[in-house]
C-alpha atoms as a PDB file:
ATOM      1  CA  UNK A   1      96.234  84.829  79.280  1.00  0.00           C
ATOM      2  CA  UNK A   2      97.334  82.069  76.919  1.00  0.00           C
ATOM      3  CA  UNK A   3      97.161  82.673  73.219  1.00  0.00           C
ATOM      4  CA  UNK A   4      95.546  79.488  71.885  1.00  0.00           C
ATOM      5  CA  UNK A   5      94.615  80.813  68.448  1.00  0.00           C
ATOM      6  CA  UNK A   6      97.749  82.516  67.147  1.00  0.00           C
ATOM      7  CA  UNK A   7     101.285  81.145  67.073  1.00  0.00           C
ATOM      8  CA  UNK A   8     103.317  84.310  67.604  1.00  0.00           C
ATOM      9  CA  UNK A   9     106.533  82.563  66.600  1.00  0.00           C
ATOM     10  CA  UNK A  10     105.054  81.744  63.185  1.00  0.00           C
ATOM     11  CA  UNK A  11     104.156  85.395  62.580  1.00  0.00           C
ATOM     12  CA  UNK A  12     107.202  87.271  63.879  1.00  0.00           C
ATOM     13  CA  UNK A  13     110.912  86.592  63.727  1.00  0.00           C
ATOM     14  CA  UNK A  14     112.755  86.363  67.030  1.00  0.00           C
ATOM     15  CA  UNK A  15     114.212  89.935  67.136  1.00  0.00           C
ATOM     16  CA  UNK A  16     110.795  91.432  66.369  1.00  0.00           C
ATOM     17  CA  UNK A  17     109.124  89.280  68.984  1.00  0.00           C
ATOM     18  CA  UNK A  18     111.656  90.249  71.649  1.00  0.00           C
ATOM     19  CA  UNK A  19     111.164  93.918  70.795  1.00  0.00           C
ATOM     20  CA  UNK A  20     107.408  93.478  71.228  1.00  0.00           C
ATOM     21  CA  UNK A  21     107.855  91.715  74.565  1.00  0.00           C
ATOM     22  CA  UNK A  22     110.177  94.460  75.795  1.00  0.00           C
ATOM     23  CA  UNK A  23     107.751  97.195  74.771  1.00  0.00           C
ATOM     24  CA  UNK A  24     104.872  95.365  76.462  1.00  0.00           C
ATOM     25  CA  UNK A  25     106.760  95.061  79.744  1.00  0.00           C
ATOM     26  CA  UNK A  26     107.948  98.669  79.660  1.00  0.00           C
ATOM     27  CA  UNK A  27     104.335  99.813  79.256  1.00  0.00           C
ATOM     28  CA  UNK A  28     102.855  97.152  81.497  1.00  0.00           C
ATOM     29  CA  UNK A  29     100.153  99.276  83.091  1.00  0.00           C
ATOM     30  CA  UNK A  30      98.321  99.228  79.777  1.00  0.00           C
ATOM     31  CA  UNK A  31      98.150  95.447  80.128  1.00  0.00           C
ATOM     32  CA  UNK A  32      97.287  95.356  83.819  1.00  0.00           C
ATOM     33  CA  UNK A  33     100.784  94.777  85.186  1.00  0.00           C
ATOM     34  CA  UNK A  34     103.645  96.990  86.406  1.00  0.00           C
ATOM     35  CA  UNK A  35     105.785  99.133  84.092  1.00  0.00           C
ATOM     36  CA  UNK A  36     109.231  97.524  84.071  1.00  0.00           C
ATOM     37  CA  UNK A  37     112.583  99.179  83.368  1.00  0.00           C
ATOM     38  CA  UNK A  38     114.004  96.517  81.050  1.00  0.00           C
ATOM     39  CA  UNK A  39     117.787  96.479  80.709  1.00  0.00           C
ATOM     40  CA  UNK A  40     118.137  93.542  78.341  1.00  0.00           C
ATOM     41  CA  UNK A  41     116.090  90.745  76.822  1.00  0.00           C
ATOM     42  CA  UNK A  42     117.528  87.811  74.878  1.00  0.00           C
ATOM     43  CA  UNK A  43     117.272  84.099  74.151  1.00  0.00           C
ATOM     44  CA  UNK A  44     120.217  81.961  75.228  1.00  0.00           C
ATOM     45  CA  UNK A  45     120.656  78.282  76.061  1.00  0.00           C
ATOM     46  CA  UNK A  46     116.975  77.500  75.456  1.00  0.00           C
ATOM     47  CA  UNK A  47     115.882  80.254  77.856  1.00  0.00           C
ATOM     48  CA  UNK A  48     114.230  83.635  77.438  1.00  0.00           C
ATOM     49  CA  UNK A  49     116.318  85.901  79.670  1.00  0.00           C
ATOM     50  CA  UNK A  50     115.237  89.297  80.980  1.00  0.00           C
ATOM     51  CA  UNK A  51     117.284  91.738  83.042  1.00  0.00           C
ATOM     52  CA  UNK A  52     115.454  94.659  84.634  1.00  0.00           C
ATOM     53  CA  UNK A  53     116.028  97.427  87.179  1.00  0.00           C
ATOM     54  CA  UNK A  54     113.492  97.321  90.039  1.00  0.00           C
ATOM     55  CA  UNK A  55     111.970 100.472  91.499  1.00  0.00           C
ATOM     56  CA  UNK A  56     112.899  99.448  95.059  1.00  0.00           C
ATOM     57  CA  UNK A  57     115.317  96.992  96.690  1.00  0.00           C
ATOM     58  CA  UNK A  58     112.735  95.355  98.944  1.00  0.00           C
ATOM     59  CA  UNK A  59     113.130  91.660  98.140  1.00  0.00           C
ATOM     60  CA  UNK A  60     109.468  90.772  98.468  1.00  0.00           C
ATOM     61  CA  UNK A  61     108.617  93.537  95.987  1.00  0.00           C
ATOM     62  CA  UNK A  62     111.225  92.148  93.592  1.00  0.00           C
ATOM     63  CA  UNK A  63     109.868  88.611  93.884  1.00  0.00           C
ATOM     64  CA  UNK A  64     106.433  90.012  93.069  1.00  0.00           C
ATOM     65  CA  UNK A  65     107.934  91.835  90.072  1.00  0.00           C
ATOM     66  CA  UNK A  66     109.496  88.655  88.769  1.00  0.00           C
ATOM     67  CA  UNK A  67     106.304  86.678  89.249  1.00  0.00           C
ATOM     68  CA  UNK A  68     104.455  89.252  87.145  1.00  0.00           C
ATOM     69  CA  UNK A  69     107.009  88.990  84.355  1.00  0.00           C
ATOM     70  CA  UNK A  70     106.953  85.184  84.480  1.00  0.00           C
ATOM     71  CA  UNK A  71     103.172  85.071  84.424  1.00  0.00           C
ATOM     72  CA  UNK A  72     102.952  87.583  81.587  1.00  0.00           C
ATOM     73  CA  UNK A  73     105.516  85.807  79.377  1.00  0.00           C
ATOM     74  CA  UNK A  74     104.130  82.306  79.924  1.00  0.00           C
ATOM     75  CA  UNK A  75     100.598  83.546  79.312  1.00  0.00           C
ATOM     76  CA  UNK A  76     101.599  85.455  76.194  1.00  0.00           C
ATOM     77  CA  UNK A  77     103.502  82.607  74.572  1.00  0.00           C
ATOM     78  CA  UNK A  78     101.511  79.634  75.804  1.00  0.00           C
ATOM     79  CA  UNK A  79     103.034  76.533  74.219  1.00  0.00           C
ATOM     80  CA  UNK A  80     104.353  78.480  71.223  1.00  0.00           C
ATOM     81  CA  UNK A  81     107.764  79.048  72.809  1.00  0.00           C
ATOM     82  CA  UNK A  82     108.628  75.363  72.599  1.00  0.00           C
ATOM     83  CA  UNK A  83     108.538  75.642  68.801  1.00  0.00           C
ATOM     84  CA  UNK A  84     111.528  77.986  69.053  1.00  0.00           C
ATOM     85  CA  UNK A  85     113.233  75.659  71.529  1.00  0.00           C
ATOM     86  CA  UNK A  86     112.556  77.915  74.549  1.00  0.00           C
ATOM     87  CA  UNK A  87     111.973  75.861  77.667  1.00  0.00           C
ATOM     88  CA  UNK A  88     112.817  78.265  80.486  1.00  0.00           C
ATOM     89  CA  UNK A  89     112.304  81.876  81.521  1.00  0.00           C
ATOM     90  CA  UNK A  90     114.981  83.676  83.510  1.00  0.00           C
ATOM     91  CA  UNK A  91     114.393  87.059  85.152  1.00  0.00           C
ATOM     92  CA  UNK A  92     117.148  88.958  86.924  1.00  0.00           C
ATOM     93  CA  UNK A  93     116.864  92.113  89.029  1.00  0.00           C
ATOM     94  CA  UNK A  94     119.863  94.412  88.612  1.00  0.00           C
ATOM     95  CA  UNK A  95     120.494  96.813  91.513  1.00  0.00           C
ATOM     96  CA  UNK A  96     123.293  99.353  91.450  1.00  0.00           C
ATOM     97  CA  UNK A  97     124.571  97.853  88.216  1.00  0.00           C
ATOM     98  CA  UNK A  98     125.024  94.419  89.824  1.00  0.00           C
ATOM     99  CA  UNK A  99     122.930  91.197  89.810  1.00  0.00           C
ATOM    100  CA  UNK A 100     120.702  91.124  92.881  1.00  0.00           C
ATOM    101  CA  UNK A 101     118.071  88.401  92.549  1.00  0.00           C
ATOM    102  CA  UNK A 102     117.800  85.870  89.728  1.00  0.00           C
ATOM    103  CA  UNK A 103     115.059  83.297  89.176  1.00  0.00           C
ATOM    104  CA  UNK A 104     115.080  80.681  86.416  1.00  0.00           C
ATOM    105  CA  UNK A 105     111.812  78.815  85.882  1.00  0.00           C
ATOM    106  CA  UNK A 106     110.654  76.177  83.470  1.00  0.00           C
ATOM    107  CA  UNK A 107     107.619  77.082  81.391  1.00  0.00           C
ATOM    108  CA  UNK A 108     105.547  74.728  83.500  1.00  0.00           C
ATOM    109  CA  UNK A 109     106.627  76.473  86.706  1.00  0.00           C
ATOM    110  CA  UNK A 110     106.027  79.908  85.204  1.00  0.00           C
ATOM    111  CA  UNK A 111     102.510  78.908  84.150  1.00  0.00           C
ATOM    112  CA  UNK A 112     101.735  78.161  87.821  1.00  0.00           C
ATOM    113  CA  UNK A 113     101.837  81.913  88.468  1.00  0.00           C
ATOM    114  CA  UNK A 114      98.879  82.358  86.135  1.00  0.00           C
ATOM    115  CA  UNK A 115      97.010  79.864  88.289  1.00  0.00           C
ATOM    116  CA  UNK A 116      97.952  81.765  91.436  1.00  0.00           C
ATOM    117  CA  UNK A 117     100.188  78.936  92.687  1.00  0.00           C
ATOM    118  CA  UNK A 118     103.274  80.863  93.801  1.00  0.00           C
ATOM    119  CA  UNK A 119     104.473  78.032  96.056  1.00  0.00           C
ATOM    120  CA  UNK A 120     104.703  75.574  93.159  1.00  0.00           C
ATOM    121  CA  UNK A 121     106.503  78.214  91.104  1.00  0.00           C
ATOM    122  CA  UNK A 122     109.100  78.955  93.782  1.00  0.00           C
ATOM    123  CA  UNK A 123     109.677  75.317  94.735  1.00  0.00           C
ATOM    124  CA  UNK A 124     110.279  74.359  91.110  1.00  0.00           C
ATOM    125  CA  UNK A 125     112.532  77.261  90.155  1.00  0.00           C
ATOM    126  CA  UNK A 126     116.239  77.955  90.530  1.00  0.00           C
ATOM    127  CA  UNK A 127     116.689  80.988  92.781  1.00  0.00           C
ATOM    128  CA  UNK A 128     119.996  82.629  93.628  1.00  0.00           C
ATOM    129  CA  UNK A 129     118.638  84.270  96.797  1.00  0.00           C
ATOM    130  CA  UNK A 130     116.027  83.200  99.332  1.00  0.00           C
ATOM    131  CA  UNK A 131     117.211  85.305 102.272  1.00  0.00           C
ATOM    132  CA  UNK A 132     113.912  87.066 102.879  1.00  0.00           C
ATOM    133  CA  UNK A 133     114.085  89.004 106.153  1.00  0.00           C
ATOM    134  CA  UNK A 134     111.828  91.523 107.801  1.00  0.00           C
ATOM    135  CA  UNK A 135     112.636  95.219 107.778  1.00  0.00           C
ATOM    136  CA  UNK A 136     111.881  97.100 110.990  1.00  0.00           C
ATOM    137  CA  UNK A 137     110.716 100.690 110.700  1.00  0.00           C
ATOM    138  CA  UNK A 138     111.488 102.431 113.995  1.00  0.00           C
ATOM    139  CA  UNK A 139     109.282 105.450 114.705  1.00  0.00           C
ATOM    140  CA  UNK A 140     108.722 107.831 117.609  1.00  0.00           C
ATOM    141  CA  UNK A 141     105.177 106.938 118.659  1.00  0.00           C
ATOM    142  CA  UNK A 142     101.518 106.169 118.061  1.00  0.00           C
ATOM    143  CA  UNK A 143     100.851 108.839 115.429  1.00  0.00           C
ATOM    144  CA  UNK A 144     103.407 107.322 113.064  1.00  0.00           C
ATOM    145  CA  UNK A 145     102.522 103.724 113.977  1.00  0.00           C
ATOM    146  CA  UNK A 146      98.996 104.331 112.734  1.00  0.00           C
ATOM    147  CA  UNK A 147      99.803 106.640 109.811  1.00  0.00           C
ATOM    148  CA  UNK A 148     102.577 104.765 108.030  1.00  0.00           C
ATOM    149  CA  UNK A 149     100.661 101.524 107.303  1.00  0.00           C
ATOM    150  CA  UNK A 150      98.031 103.589 105.459  1.00  0.00           C
ATOM    151  CA  UNK A 151     100.679 105.600 103.607  1.00  0.00           C
ATOM    152  CA  UNK A 152     102.685 102.519 102.572  1.00  0.00           C
ATOM    153  CA  UNK A 153      99.487 100.846 101.360  1.00  0.00           C
ATOM    154  CA  UNK A 154      98.613 103.925  99.306  1.00  0.00           C
ATOM    155  CA  UNK A 155     102.031 103.845  97.607  1.00  0.00           C
ATOM    156  CA  UNK A 156     101.511 100.195  96.667  1.00  0.00           C
ATOM    157  CA  UNK A 157     103.611  98.662  99.453  1.00  0.00           C
ATOM    158  CA  UNK A 158     101.332  97.036 102.065  1.00  0.00           C
ATOM    159  CA  UNK A 159     103.429  96.245 105.135  1.00  0.00           C
ATOM    160  CA  UNK A 160     102.707  92.571 105.810  1.00  0.00           C
ATOM    161  CA  UNK A 161     103.307  91.249 102.269  1.00  0.00           C
ATOM    162  CA  UNK A 162     106.544  93.243 102.100  1.00  0.00           C
ATOM    163  CA  UNK A 163     107.756  91.991 105.493  1.00  0.00           C
ATOM    164  CA  UNK A 164     107.848  95.433 107.091  1.00  0.00           C
ATOM    165  CA  UNK A 165     107.218  95.776 110.826  1.00  0.00           C
ATOM    166  CA  UNK A 166     106.774  99.069 112.673  1.00  0.00           C
ATOM    167  CA  UNK A 167     108.245  99.507 116.154  1.00  0.00           C
ATOM    168  CA  UNK A 168     107.554 102.586 118.303  1.00  0.00           C
ATOM    169  CA  UNK A 169     110.532 103.350 120.532  1.00  0.00           C
ATOM    170  CA  UNK A 170     109.344 106.416 122.462  1.00  0.00           C
ATOM    171  CA  UNK A 171     108.747 104.363 125.604  1.00  0.00           C
ATOM    172  CA  UNK A 172     112.026 102.447 125.334  1.00  0.00           C
ATOM    173  CA  UNK A 173     115.704 103.372 125.479  1.00  0.00           C
ATOM    174  CA  UNK A 174     116.583 103.755 121.819  1.00  0.00           C
ATOM    175  CA  UNK A 175     120.096 102.392 122.238  1.00  0.00           C
ATOM    176  CA  UNK A 176     118.684  99.234 123.817  1.00  0.00           C
ATOM    177  CA  UNK A 177     116.298  98.689 120.905  1.00  0.00           C
ATOM    178  CA  UNK A 178     119.118  99.163 118.383  1.00  0.00           C
ATOM    179  CA  UNK A 179     121.441  96.871 120.334  1.00  0.00           C
ATOM    180  CA  UNK A 180     118.871  94.073 120.212  1.00  0.00           C
ATOM    181  CA  UNK A 181     118.294  94.523 116.471  1.00  0.00           C
ATOM    182  CA  UNK A 182     122.034  94.530 115.790  1.00  0.00           C
ATOM    183  CA  UNK A 183     122.602  91.462 117.966  1.00  0.00           C
ATOM    184  CA  UNK A 184     119.951  89.519 116.047  1.00  0.00           C
ATOM    185  CA  UNK A 185     121.315  90.868 112.736  1.00  0.00           C
ATOM    186  CA  UNK A 186     118.006  92.473 111.745  1.00  0.00           C
ATOM    187  CA  UNK A 187     117.512  95.071 109.038  1.00  0.00           C
ATOM    188  CA  UNK A 188     116.056  98.373 110.234  1.00  0.00           C
ATOM    189  CA  UNK A 189     115.367 101.982 109.329  1.00  0.00           C
ATOM    190  CA  UNK A 190     114.916 104.708 111.937  1.00  0.00           C
ATOM    191  CA  UNK A 191     113.083 107.978 111.636  1.00  0.00           C
ATOM    192  CA  UNK A 192     113.131 110.410 114.528  1.00  0.00           C
ATOM    193  CA  UNK A 193     112.233 113.924 115.595  1.00  0.00           C
ATOM    194  CA  UNK A 194     114.769 116.711 115.158  1.00  0.00           C
ATOM    195  CA  UNK A 195     115.362 116.982 118.902  1.00  0.00           C
ATOM    196  CA  UNK A 196     117.174 113.626 118.795  1.00  0.00           C
ATOM    197  CA  UNK A 197     119.880 114.930 116.438  1.00  0.00           C
ATOM    198  CA  UNK A 198     122.693 114.768 119.003  1.00  0.00           C
ATOM    199  CA  UNK A 199     121.626 111.336 120.241  1.00  0.00           C
ATOM    200  CA  UNK A 200     121.596 110.028 116.672  1.00  0.00           C
ATOM    201  CA  UNK A 201     125.041 111.509 116.046  1.00  0.00           C
ATOM    202  CA  UNK A 202     126.357 109.602 119.086  1.00  0.00           C
ATOM    203  CA  UNK A 203     124.719 106.371 117.929  1.00  0.00           C
ATOM    204  CA  UNK A 204     126.188 106.822 114.444  1.00  0.00           C
ATOM    205  CA  UNK A 205     129.676 107.131 115.945  1.00  0.00           C
ATOM    206  CA  UNK A 206     129.046 103.902 117.842  1.00  0.00           C
ATOM    207  CA  UNK A 207     128.224 102.108 114.590  1.00  0.00           C
ATOM    208  CA  UNK A 208     124.470 101.653 114.919  1.00  0.00           C
ATOM    209  CA  UNK A 209     123.649 103.153 111.532  1.00  0.00           C
ATOM    210  CA  UNK A 210     124.808 102.485 108.015  1.00  0.00           C
ATOM    211  CA  UNK A 211     124.779 104.709 104.965  1.00  0.00           C
ATOM    212  CA  UNK A 212     121.041 105.109 104.505  1.00  0.00           C
ATOM    213  CA  UNK A 213     119.034 103.564 107.338  1.00  0.00           C
ATOM    214  CA  UNK A 214     118.122 106.621 109.401  1.00  0.00           C
ATOM    215  CA  UNK A 215     116.401 109.954 108.891  1.00  0.00           C
ATOM    216  CA  UNK A 216     115.959 112.991 111.121  1.00  0.00           C
ATOM    217  CA  UNK A 217     112.767 114.934 110.387  1.00  0.00           C
ATOM    218  CA  UNK A 218     113.925 118.408 109.357  1.00  0.00           C
ATOM    219  CA  UNK A 219     110.716 120.155 110.458  1.00  0.00           C
ATOM    220  CA  UNK A 220     110.738 118.734 113.969  1.00  0.00           C
ATOM    221  CA  UNK A 221     108.187 115.947 114.421  1.00  0.00           C
ATOM    222  CA  UNK A 222     105.781 113.980 112.224  1.00  0.00           C
ATOM    223  CA  UNK A 223     102.800 116.232 112.988  1.00  0.00           C
ATOM    224  CA  UNK A 224     104.810 119.320 111.991  1.00  0.00           C
ATOM    225  CA  UNK A 225     104.461 118.247 108.353  1.00  0.00           C
ATOM    226  CA  UNK A 226     100.715 118.840 108.480  1.00  0.00           C
ATOM    227  CA  UNK A 227      99.805 122.335 107.329  1.00  0.00           C
ATOM    228  CA  UNK A 228      97.837 124.475 109.788  1.00  0.00           C
ATOM    229  CA  UNK A 229      94.681 124.481 107.662  1.00  0.00           C
ATOM    230  CA  UNK A 230      94.904 120.700 107.337  1.00  0.00           C
ATOM    231  CA  UNK A 231      95.086 120.363 111.126  1.00  0.00           C
ATOM    232  CA  UNK A 232      91.963 122.499 111.445  1.00  0.00           C
ATOM    233  CA  UNK A 233      90.104 120.295 108.950  1.00  0.00           C
ATOM    234  CA  UNK A 234      91.300 117.052 110.535  1.00  0.00           C
ATOM    235  CA  UNK A 235      90.415 118.068 114.104  1.00  0.00           C
ATOM    236  CA  UNK A 236      87.027 119.381 113.044  1.00  0.00           C
ATOM    237  CA  UNK A 237      86.362 116.031 111.392  1.00  0.00           C
ATOM    238  CA  UNK A 238      87.258 113.923 114.420  1.00  0.00           C
ATOM    239  CA  UNK A 239      85.941 116.439 116.993  1.00  0.00           C
ATOM    240  CA  UNK A 240      83.183 118.582 115.417  1.00  0.00           C
ATOM    241  CA  UNK A 241      83.004 122.047 116.938  1.00  0.00           C
ATOM    242  CA  UNK A 242      86.482 121.993 118.482  1.00  0.00           C
ATOM    243  CA  UNK A 243      87.088 125.476 116.997  1.00  0.00           C
ATOM    244  CA  UNK A 244      90.866 125.478 116.622  1.00  0.00           C
ATOM    245  CA  UNK A 245      92.119 128.055 114.082  1.00  0.00           C
ATOM    246  CA  UNK A 246      95.034 128.280 111.701  1.00  0.00           C
ATOM    247  CA  UNK A 247      96.130 131.496 113.439  1.00  0.00           C
ATOM    248  CA  UNK A 248      96.351 129.686 116.783  1.00  0.00           C
ATOM    249  CA  UNK A 249      98.425 126.877 115.282  1.00  0.00           C
ATOM    250  CA  UNK A 250     100.760 129.138 113.332  1.00  0.00           C
ATOM    251  CA  UNK A 251     101.324 131.493 116.279  1.00  0.00           C
ATOM    252  CA  UNK A 252     102.306 128.619 118.540  1.00  0.00           C
ATOM    253  CA  UNK A 253     104.513 127.083 115.880  1.00  0.00           C
ATOM    254  CA  UNK A 254     106.268 130.423 115.484  1.00  0.00           C
ATOM    255  CA  UNK A 255     106.918 130.342 119.219  1.00  0.00           C
ATOM    256  CA  UNK A 256     108.681 126.976 118.788  1.00  0.00           C
ATOM    257  CA  UNK A 257     105.996 124.630 120.083  1.00  0.00           C
ATOM    258  CA  UNK A 258     105.615 121.146 118.590  1.00  0.00           C
ATOM    259  CA  UNK A 259     102.364 120.543 116.773  1.00  0.00           C
ATOM    260  CA  UNK A 260     101.443 117.599 118.985  1.00  0.00           C
ATOM    261  CA  UNK A 261     101.783 119.809 122.059  1.00  0.00           C
ATOM    262  CA  UNK A 262      99.762 122.582 120.433  1.00  0.00           C
ATOM    263  CA  UNK A 263      96.917 120.153 119.801  1.00  0.00           C
ATOM    264  CA  UNK A 264      96.998 118.606 123.266  1.00  0.00           C
ATOM    265  CA  UNK A 265      97.172 122.004 124.988  1.00  0.00           C
ATOM    266  CA  UNK A 266      94.227 123.261 122.977  1.00  0.00           C
ATOM    267  CA  UNK A 267      92.078 120.306 124.002  1.00  0.00           C
ATOM    268  CA  UNK A 268      93.138 120.850 127.610  1.00  0.00           C
ATOM    269  CA  UNK A 269      91.989 124.473 127.385  1.00  0.00           C
ATOM    270  CA  UNK A 270      88.574 123.333 126.196  1.00  0.00           C
ATOM    271  CA  UNK A 271      88.140 121.313 129.366  1.00  0.00           C
ATOM    272  CA  UNK A 272      85.896 118.256 129.471  1.00  0.00           C
ATOM    273  CA  UNK A 273      83.608 119.439 126.689  1.00  0.00           C
ATOM    274  CA  UNK A 274      85.922 118.066 124.004  1.00  0.00           C
ATOM    275  CA  UNK A 275      88.074 114.976 124.456  1.00  0.00           C
ATOM    276  CA  UNK A 276      91.153 114.407 122.332  1.00  0.00           C
ATOM    277  CA  UNK A 277      90.533 111.145 120.419  1.00  0.00           C
ATOM    278  CA  UNK A 278      94.159 110.098 120.762  1.00  0.00           C
ATOM    279  CA  UNK A 279      97.253 109.948 118.592  1.00  0.00           C
ATOM    280  CA  UNK A 280      96.286 106.681 116.840  1.00  0.00           C
ATOM    281  CA  UNK A 281      93.136 108.308 115.453  1.00  0.00           C
ATOM    282  CA  UNK A 282      95.056 111.477 114.609  1.00  0.00           C
ATOM    283  CA  UNK A 283      97.690 109.455 112.736  1.00  0.00           C
ATOM    284  CA  UNK A 284      95.076 107.681 110.631  1.00  0.00           C
ATOM    285  CA  UNK A 285      93.343 110.933 109.716  1.00  0.00           C
ATOM    286  CA  UNK A 286      96.622 112.618 108.812  1.00  0.00           C
ATOM    287  CA  UNK A 287      97.455 109.714 106.501  1.00  0.00           C
ATOM    288  CA  UNK A 288      94.062 109.802 104.791  1.00  0.00           C
ATOM    289  CA  UNK A 289      94.326 113.582 104.373  1.00  0.00           C
ATOM    290  CA  UNK A 290      97.757 113.296 102.751  1.00  0.00           C
ATOM    291  CA  UNK A 291      96.634 110.533 100.423  1.00  0.00           C
ATOM    292  CA  UNK A 292      93.871 112.811  99.186  1.00  0.00           C
ATOM    293  CA  UNK A 293      95.873 116.063  99.087  1.00  0.00           C
ATOM    294  CA  UNK A 294      99.475 114.922  98.616  1.00  0.00           C
ATOM    295  CA  UNK A 295     102.042 113.205 100.829  1.00  0.00           C
ATOM    296  CA  UNK A 296     104.910 115.512 101.922  1.00  0.00           C
ATOM    297  CA  UNK A 297     108.136 114.933 100.010  1.00  0.00           C
ATOM    298  CA  UNK A 298     110.157 113.972 103.085  1.00  0.00           C
ATOM    299  CA  UNK A 299     107.570 111.414 104.173  1.00  0.00           C
ATOM    300  CA  UNK A 300     107.530 109.977 100.637  1.00  0.00           C
ATOM    301  CA  UNK A 301     111.310 109.766 100.862  1.00  0.00           C
ATOM    302  CA  UNK A 302     111.132 107.785 104.106  1.00  0.00           C
ATOM    303  CA  UNK A 303     108.757 105.279 102.519  1.00  0.00           C
ATOM    304  CA  UNK A 304     111.105 104.778  99.564  1.00  0.00           C
ATOM    305  CA  UNK A 305     114.137 104.521 101.837  1.00  0.00           C
ATOM    306  CA  UNK A 306     112.473 101.758 103.830  1.00  0.00           C
ATOM    307  CA  UNK A 307     111.585  99.933 100.615  1.00  0.00           C
ATOM    308  CA  UNK A 308     115.224 100.195  99.540  1.00  0.00           C
ATOM    309  CA  UNK A 309     116.703  98.536 102.622  1.00  0.00           C
ATOM    310  CA  UNK A 310     118.413  95.511 101.038  1.00  0.00           C
END
């Protein structure tokens, strides 16, 4: 929002004004934007320059961060900045202590963000990186394919805007999928059930994985992270009267059975009276349950790891 009534540069000296801007960005949620971890803010060569540390390495998320900062600064200063000989705004994301993405925009370009014209802003800015590529999240099957989009959305990272694609590999040879992604130089992150530990170890030795682009679920499979009582509530919601109990689930888990098998076997025992609605529906309900009650720490970690694939 432009300040047309008050010239901030007439009221405050430059150091005070920069301190105010920094404080505003670091407590952005109070102003309707993100809280930013500001590293430095200064005025040099007729430009207001801001360095910050992003929460994730996902480039689309960082571009969105920078657009927020640009829009906030240009709206706050309006035309006042020109009276202090400031004609440009530069925002730089610092990752791992090193420059990652830097955008320098004229005030006119930055004001386009306030109008919702991101294309004009990007076309009329100097950008040190435009290599936006998709990140592929490789998962076991339909439960995860339908759960993760809901979970990412709930954490503030909707898949499509952040260029994240989910690929189920349970019906394919995993090594073939990875070979294709490596050949096309794609970025990917794999999560798999614990029973694939030895296969993953072999693939790691063959160079298919880097430092942080894979994760083996410590509990077994995705459904194993749902507490027994939660499974009872979820199945009763999607199949009223199914009658599964926490004791039944826990006993079978103790005997080493996967949760997905426990559920399928229980429906089979009930015959044709109750029909399992399918893993896609189960995945969606698990996601909604976790959003309401709390997402497991390991699943949260996977989401952040995907968002940090650079």
